Protein backbone atom coordinates (compact mmCIF):
# COMPACT_ATOMS: atom_id res chain seq x y z
CA MET A 1 28.88 -49.75 26.41
CA GLN A 2 30.35 -46.25 26.64
CA ASP A 3 32.62 -46.90 23.60
CA ALA A 4 29.60 -47.57 21.40
CA LEU A 5 27.92 -44.82 19.39
CA TRP A 6 24.51 -44.08 20.87
CA VAL A 7 21.96 -41.76 19.26
CA PHE A 8 19.02 -40.28 21.16
CA GLY A 9 15.75 -40.51 19.25
CA TYR A 10 12.80 -38.40 20.31
CA ALA A 11 10.85 -37.92 17.02
CA SER A 12 11.38 -39.43 13.54
CA LEU A 13 14.46 -41.35 14.67
CA LEU A 14 12.05 -43.45 16.77
CA TRP A 15 10.36 -44.86 13.69
CA ASP A 16 12.79 -44.12 10.87
CA PRO A 17 16.39 -44.15 12.13
CA GLY A 18 17.87 -44.76 8.68
CA PHE A 19 20.94 -46.53 10.09
CA PRO A 20 21.65 -50.03 11.40
CA VAL A 21 20.57 -50.27 15.04
CA ALA A 22 22.10 -52.94 17.25
CA GLU A 23 20.08 -52.09 20.36
CA ARG A 24 17.13 -49.90 21.39
CA ARG A 25 16.65 -48.81 24.99
CA ALA A 26 14.12 -46.48 26.57
CA ALA A 27 15.98 -43.44 27.83
CA ARG A 28 15.41 -39.95 29.14
CA LEU A 29 17.24 -36.71 28.52
CA GLU A 30 17.03 -34.19 31.34
CA GLY A 31 16.94 -30.43 30.83
CA TRP A 32 15.35 -30.65 27.38
CA HIS A 33 11.82 -31.03 26.06
CA ARG A 34 10.39 -32.17 22.73
CA SER A 35 8.71 -29.23 20.98
CA PHE A 36 7.40 -28.23 17.55
CA CYS A 37 9.70 -25.21 17.64
CA MET A 38 11.49 -25.49 14.30
CA TRP A 39 10.26 -24.44 10.89
CA SER A 40 10.79 -27.21 8.33
CA ILE A 41 11.65 -25.99 4.85
CA HIS A 42 13.06 -29.27 3.53
CA HIS A 43 11.65 -32.48 5.01
CA ARG A 44 8.11 -31.51 6.13
CA GLY A 45 7.57 -28.18 4.42
CA THR A 46 8.98 -25.83 1.81
CA PRO A 47 10.45 -22.33 1.94
CA GLU A 48 7.14 -21.04 0.54
CA ARG A 49 5.01 -23.06 3.01
CA PRO A 50 7.07 -24.16 5.99
CA GLY A 51 5.99 -27.02 8.16
CA LEU A 52 7.04 -27.74 11.73
CA VAL A 53 9.33 -30.40 13.09
CA LEU A 54 10.10 -31.44 16.60
CA ALA A 55 13.32 -30.32 18.21
CA LEU A 56 14.87 -30.54 21.62
CA ASP A 57 14.54 -27.15 23.28
CA ARG A 58 16.32 -26.47 26.58
CA ALA A 59 14.03 -25.98 29.57
CA GLY A 60 14.84 -26.06 33.27
CA GLY A 61 13.34 -29.10 34.97
CA ALA A 62 12.21 -30.66 31.68
CA VAL A 63 12.66 -34.32 30.78
CA CYS A 64 12.33 -35.79 27.29
CA HIS A 65 11.59 -39.51 27.05
CA GLY A 66 12.67 -41.35 23.94
CA LEU A 67 14.96 -44.12 22.74
CA ALA A 68 18.70 -44.53 22.89
CA LEU A 69 19.75 -46.28 19.70
CA ARG A 70 23.09 -48.09 19.70
CA VAL A 71 24.60 -48.02 16.23
CA ALA A 72 25.62 -51.40 14.87
CA PRO A 73 29.35 -51.99 15.35
CA GLY A 74 31.30 -51.01 12.25
CA ALA A 75 28.61 -48.61 11.02
CA GLU A 76 29.59 -45.63 13.17
CA ALA A 77 31.31 -43.48 10.51
CA GLN A 78 28.62 -44.19 7.92
CA THR A 79 25.90 -43.39 10.49
CA LEU A 80 27.53 -40.11 11.51
CA ALA A 81 27.77 -39.03 7.87
CA TYR A 82 24.14 -40.01 7.26
CA LEU A 83 22.83 -38.22 10.36
CA ARG A 84 24.77 -35.07 9.57
CA GLN A 85 23.37 -35.02 6.05
CA ARG A 86 19.83 -35.64 7.35
CA GLU A 87 19.74 -33.52 10.50
CA LEU A 88 22.10 -30.67 9.64
CA VAL A 89 20.59 -29.93 6.23
CA SER A 90 19.93 -26.30 7.20
CA SER A 91 22.08 -25.94 10.34
CA ALA A 92 19.03 -25.25 12.54
CA TYR A 93 20.06 -28.18 14.74
CA LEU A 94 23.23 -28.33 16.78
CA GLU A 95 24.95 -31.68 17.12
CA ARG A 96 25.78 -32.48 20.74
CA ARG A 97 26.67 -35.33 23.03
CA GLU A 98 24.31 -35.41 25.99
CA GLU A 99 23.95 -37.85 28.84
CA VAL A 100 20.84 -40.02 28.54
CA VAL A 101 19.68 -42.18 31.42
CA PHE A 102 18.18 -45.66 31.13
CA SER A 103 15.43 -46.95 33.40
CA ASP A 104 17.99 -48.87 35.48
CA GLY A 105 19.80 -45.60 36.26
CA THR A 106 22.83 -46.21 34.05
CA ALA A 107 23.76 -43.47 31.63
CA VAL A 108 25.61 -43.05 28.34
CA ALA A 109 26.65 -40.09 26.25
CA ALA A 110 24.42 -40.05 23.18
CA LEU A 111 24.61 -38.07 19.99
CA THR A 112 21.61 -35.78 19.82
CA TYR A 113 20.37 -32.84 17.81
CA VAL A 114 19.05 -29.78 19.63
CA VAL A 115 17.54 -26.60 18.24
CA ASP A 116 19.71 -23.53 17.72
CA ARG A 117 17.59 -20.77 19.22
CA GLU A 118 19.56 -18.19 17.22
CA HIS A 119 18.70 -19.81 13.88
CA ALA A 120 15.99 -18.28 11.66
CA GLN A 121 14.08 -21.58 11.69
CA TYR A 122 13.53 -21.43 15.46
CA THR A 123 9.86 -20.56 16.00
CA GLY A 124 9.93 -19.72 19.67
CA ARG A 125 6.67 -20.62 21.33
CA LEU A 126 3.72 -21.07 18.96
CA THR A 127 0.32 -21.90 20.45
CA LEU A 128 -0.88 -25.47 19.96
CA GLU A 129 -3.66 -24.19 17.70
CA ASP A 130 -1.13 -22.35 15.50
CA GLN A 131 1.02 -25.50 15.39
CA ALA A 132 -1.99 -27.58 14.32
CA ARG A 133 -2.86 -25.24 11.46
CA VAL A 134 0.73 -25.21 10.16
CA ILE A 135 1.13 -29.00 10.43
CA LEU A 136 -2.22 -29.66 8.75
CA GLY A 137 -1.26 -27.87 5.53
CA ALA A 138 2.46 -28.53 5.19
CA SER A 139 4.31 -31.13 3.17
CA GLY A 140 7.95 -31.48 2.11
CA GLY A 141 10.52 -33.83 0.65
CA ARG A 142 9.86 -36.56 3.25
CA GLY A 143 6.08 -36.28 3.13
CA ALA A 144 3.13 -34.68 4.87
CA ASN A 145 3.78 -32.85 8.11
CA ARG A 146 0.76 -34.49 9.76
CA ASP A 147 2.12 -37.98 9.00
CA TYR A 148 5.32 -37.01 10.83
CA LEU A 149 3.27 -35.95 13.84
CA TRP A 150 1.08 -39.06 13.80
CA ASN A 151 4.01 -41.46 13.37
CA THR A 152 5.87 -39.84 16.24
CA ALA A 153 2.82 -39.80 18.53
CA ASP A 154 2.00 -43.44 17.70
CA HIS A 155 5.55 -44.61 18.39
CA LEU A 156 5.73 -42.72 21.67
CA ALA A 157 2.44 -44.35 22.71
CA GLU A 158 3.90 -47.79 21.85
CA LEU A 159 6.78 -46.97 24.20
CA GLY A 160 4.33 -45.93 26.92
CA VAL A 161 5.43 -42.29 26.69
CA GLU A 162 2.65 -39.76 27.15
CA ASP A 163 3.23 -36.43 25.44
CA ALA A 164 0.16 -34.29 26.11
CA ASP A 165 0.97 -31.75 23.38
CA LEU A 166 1.38 -34.42 20.69
CA THR A 167 -1.82 -36.17 21.81
CA TRP A 168 -3.76 -32.89 21.58
CA LEU A 169 -2.20 -31.98 18.22
CA SER A 170 -2.97 -35.42 16.76
CA ALA A 171 -6.63 -35.18 17.75
CA ARG A 172 -6.95 -31.56 16.63
CA ILE A 173 -5.44 -32.19 13.21
CA ARG A 174 -7.69 -35.21 12.68
CA ALA A 175 -10.67 -33.01 13.54
CA LEU A 176 -9.50 -30.20 11.26
CA ALA A 177 -8.87 -32.67 8.44
CA GLY A 178 -12.27 -34.29 8.91
CA HIS A 179 -10.80 -37.62 10.04
CA ALA A 180 -12.47 -39.73 12.71
CA GLY A 181 -10.51 -41.06 15.68
């Protein structure tokens, strides 16, 4: 299992990996948390009206729950090229191998993308209300910023993962947009 290429999904990779997946396993990544801490100027916003995307931001004692995705055998090189084109479009993410732990306690090194705190697209800590207002009005090459939030929140809920910030943001944006539920 260690020779396989694993990718850790914590946001859009949960619902739109874009590569052939041979296996999906619930996993956690310790020392990192999922956060809307990156300006999106390509996929969910524009340079003139940036959106926000989720990134892994280092935090002592934090744990991020998501999915470990095992790339289909034979598709490793193609998947790496695809992910680098998708995730490193502006170099705000850093590509790393991090240990993710499955529910049975076994662990694998997984490819993951973490925020570069020195990059201009790093937002630092925005309030949830500020995040909601940005997400509500932003859209980019891969669609509306709010759809990204809602898809991620819905898929985390399907996995049984509670993310209080995403739950609050989803409800707040629906209220701001005049949507029910």
